[in-house]
Amino acid sequence: MSKAPITSPLSEADRKNAGNVLQATLVDLVDLSLTAKQAHWNVVGGHFVSVHTQLDELTATARNYADQVAERANAIGVSPNGKARTVAESSGIPEFPDNWQTDTDVIAAIAAILEALVQRLRARIDETDKSDLVTQDLLIEISKELEKAHWMWQAQQA
């Protein structure tokens, strides 16, 4: 399709900036959802049940926000790309280890992943300050939830 079927109320420069931010956020959130599910399947240890359950909650949160981010991209005339290859090539979150992991190692890894993702989100919030306040508002909402999750994962390390 040569002409985009969705138009945007944003200027071309603002649409491009917001679109780039949304795409980067999308791949990070898709990666987070896959990582949380990988950890969910491979956690072992004395706190297995609570960590296993908390990982499902994180997966659901990441999937929900990935969908919202993709829909926002569409709303401003940017086609989102959440394909596996794109996510693998573009995600900026730390890699989770293979195989079974103890509950304490999973907690530490997820806390580190969330910390990195929140830092990336905060930079994107700044990037959208002038170009698209609606996208910025969505990023603030996501950051709020992931910072809360980060706190809860960190609290288990104390």
Protein backbone atom coordinates (compact mmCIF):
# COMPACT_ATOMS: atom_id res chain seq x y z
CA MET A 1 0.00 0.00 0.00
CA SER A 2 1.69 3.19 -1.13
CA LYS A 3 -0.42 5.76 0.71
CA ALA A 4 -1.00 5.46 4.46
CA PRO A 5 -4.69 4.77 5.11
CA ILE A 6 -4.61 6.61 8.46
CA THR A 7 -3.97 10.33 8.67
CA SER A 8 -2.64 12.15 11.70
CA PRO A 9 -3.51 15.39 13.42
CA LEU A 10 0.21 15.82 14.14
CA SER A 11 2.73 17.54 11.92
CA GLU A 12 4.94 15.17 9.95
CA ALA A 13 7.93 15.83 12.24
CA ASP A 14 5.86 15.32 15.40
CA ARG A 15 4.25 12.17 13.97
CA LYS A 16 7.65 10.77 13.11
CA ASN A 17 9.06 11.53 16.58
CA ALA A 18 6.06 10.08 18.41
CA GLY A 19 6.01 7.10 16.06
CA ASN A 20 9.65 6.30 16.75
CA VAL A 21 9.07 6.54 20.50
CA LEU A 22 5.98 4.35 20.31
CA GLN A 23 7.76 1.74 18.18
CA ALA A 24 10.68 1.56 20.60
CA THR A 25 8.28 1.25 23.52
CA LEU A 26 6.29 -1.43 21.74
CA VAL A 27 9.28 -3.70 21.18
CA ASP A 28 10.45 -3.25 24.78
CA LEU A 29 6.99 -4.15 26.10
CA VAL A 30 6.63 -7.18 23.82
CA ASP A 31 10.07 -8.31 24.97
CA LEU A 32 9.09 -7.75 28.61
CA SER A 33 5.96 -9.87 28.16
CA LEU A 34 7.97 -12.70 26.59
CA THR A 35 10.70 -12.42 29.21
CA ALA A 36 8.22 -12.48 32.09
CA LYS A 37 6.57 -15.57 30.60
CA GLN A 38 9.97 -17.25 30.13
CA ALA A 39 10.79 -16.55 33.77
CA HIS A 40 7.31 -17.78 34.78
CA TRP A 41 7.96 -21.14 33.13
CA ASN A 42 11.43 -21.55 34.61
CA VAL A 43 11.31 -20.24 38.18
CA VAL A 44 12.06 -22.69 41.00
CA GLY A 45 12.55 -22.29 44.72
CA GLY A 46 10.83 -21.78 48.02
CA HIS A 47 8.86 -18.76 46.80
CA PHE A 48 7.89 -20.40 43.53
CA VAL A 49 4.14 -19.84 43.81
CA SER A 50 4.25 -16.14 44.62
CA VAL A 51 6.94 -15.35 42.03
CA HIS A 52 5.21 -17.53 39.41
CA THR A 53 1.94 -15.65 40.00
CA GLN A 54 3.61 -12.23 40.05
CA LEU A 55 5.25 -13.01 36.70
CA ASP A 56 1.85 -13.73 35.17
CA GLU A 57 0.67 -10.33 36.41
CA LEU A 58 3.70 -8.66 34.84
CA THR A 59 3.08 -10.48 31.56
CA ALA A 60 -0.52 -9.26 31.50
CA THR A 61 0.55 -5.69 32.27
CA ALA A 62 3.16 -5.71 29.50
CA ARG A 63 0.74 -7.19 26.97
CA ASN A 64 -1.97 -4.68 27.87
CA TYR A 65 0.36 -1.72 27.46
CA ALA A 66 1.90 -3.13 24.27
CA ASP A 67 -1.60 -3.18 22.79
CA GLN A 68 -2.28 0.39 23.93
CA VAL A 69 1.03 1.58 22.48
CA ALA A 70 0.37 -0.15 19.13
CA GLU A 71 -3.12 1.33 18.98
CA ARG A 72 -1.75 4.80 19.75
CA ALA A 73 0.74 4.39 16.90
CA ASN A 74 -2.09 3.48 14.56
CA ALA A 75 -4.11 6.47 15.76
CA ILE A 76 -1.37 8.84 14.62
CA GLY A 77 -0.85 7.09 11.30
CA VAL A 78 2.16 4.92 12.18
CA SER A 79 2.05 1.19 11.47
CA PRO A 80 3.34 -0.67 14.57
CA ASN A 81 5.73 -3.59 14.19
CA GLY A 82 5.74 -6.18 16.95
CA LYS A 83 7.09 -9.09 14.90
CA ALA A 84 9.51 -11.44 16.67
CA ARG A 85 12.43 -10.46 14.45
CA THR A 86 11.84 -6.76 15.06
CA VAL A 87 11.62 -7.30 18.81
CA ALA A 88 14.78 -9.41 18.85
CA GLU A 89 16.71 -6.81 16.85
CA SER A 90 15.37 -3.70 18.57
CA SER A 91 14.57 -4.33 22.24
CA GLY A 92 16.72 -2.51 24.75
CA ILE A 93 15.86 -4.46 27.87
CA PRO A 94 18.45 -6.77 29.45
CA GLU A 95 18.38 -10.39 28.39
CA PHE A 96 16.98 -12.98 30.79
CA PRO A 97 19.07 -16.16 31.26
CA ASP A 98 18.09 -19.55 29.85
CA ASN A 99 17.02 -22.61 31.85
CA TRP A 100 15.60 -22.84 35.35
CA GLN A 101 16.35 -19.95 37.66
CA THR A 102 15.99 -19.73 41.41
CA ASP A 103 13.30 -17.45 42.71
CA THR A 104 15.93 -15.06 44.11
CA ASP A 105 17.74 -14.91 40.75
CA VAL A 106 14.44 -14.30 38.94
CA ILE A 107 13.52 -11.51 41.34
CA ALA A 108 16.89 -9.82 40.83
CA ALA A 109 16.75 -10.20 37.05
CA ILE A 110 13.20 -8.89 36.74
CA ALA A 111 13.99 -5.93 39.02
CA ALA A 112 17.00 -5.08 36.80
CA ILE A 113 14.92 -5.42 33.62
CA LEU A 114 12.21 -3.16 35.01
CA GLU A 115 14.78 -0.60 36.12
CA ALA A 116 16.26 -0.47 32.61
CA LEU A 117 12.84 -0.23 30.99
CA VAL A 118 11.70 2.57 33.30
CA GLN A 119 14.86 4.54 32.49
CA ARG A 120 14.14 4.12 28.79
CA LEU A 121 10.52 5.19 29.29
CA ARG A 122 11.52 8.30 31.23
CA ALA A 123 13.80 9.37 28.37
CA ARG A 124 10.92 8.86 25.93
CA ILE A 125 8.61 10.92 28.12
CA ASP A 126 11.07 13.78 27.70
CA GLU A 127 11.29 13.17 23.94
CA THR A 128 7.53 13.57 23.49
CA ASP A 129 7.22 16.73 25.61
CA LYS A 130 6.83 18.98 22.57
CA SER A 131 5.75 16.57 19.84
CA ASP A 132 2.75 14.68 21.25
CA LEU A 133 1.32 15.13 24.73
CA VAL A 134 -1.19 12.31 24.23
CA THR A 135 1.62 9.84 23.60
CA GLN A 136 3.52 11.36 26.51
CA ASP A 137 0.51 10.80 28.76
CA LEU A 138 0.41 7.12 27.77
CA LEU A 139 4.13 6.78 28.47
CA ILE A 140 3.66 8.40 31.89
CA GLU A 141 0.88 5.92 32.69
CA ILE A 142 3.05 2.97 31.64
CA SER A 143 6.01 4.31 33.60
CA LYS A 144 3.84 4.72 36.68
CA GLU A 145 2.75 1.08 36.57
CA LEU A 146 6.19 -0.30 35.78
CA GLU A 147 7.80 1.80 38.52
CA LYS A 148 5.27 0.32 40.95
CA ALA A 149 6.13 -3.17 39.69
CA HIS A 150 9.83 -2.36 40.01
CA TRP A 151 9.32 -1.34 43.62
CA MET A 152 7.45 -4.58 44.37
CA TRP A 153 10.16 -6.73 42.79
CA GLN A 154 12.89 -4.78 44.60
CA ALA A 155 11.11 -5.11 47.94
CA GLN A 156 11.48 -8.88 47.70
CA GLN A 157 15.26 -8.52 47.64
CA ALA A 158 15.46 -6.75 51.01
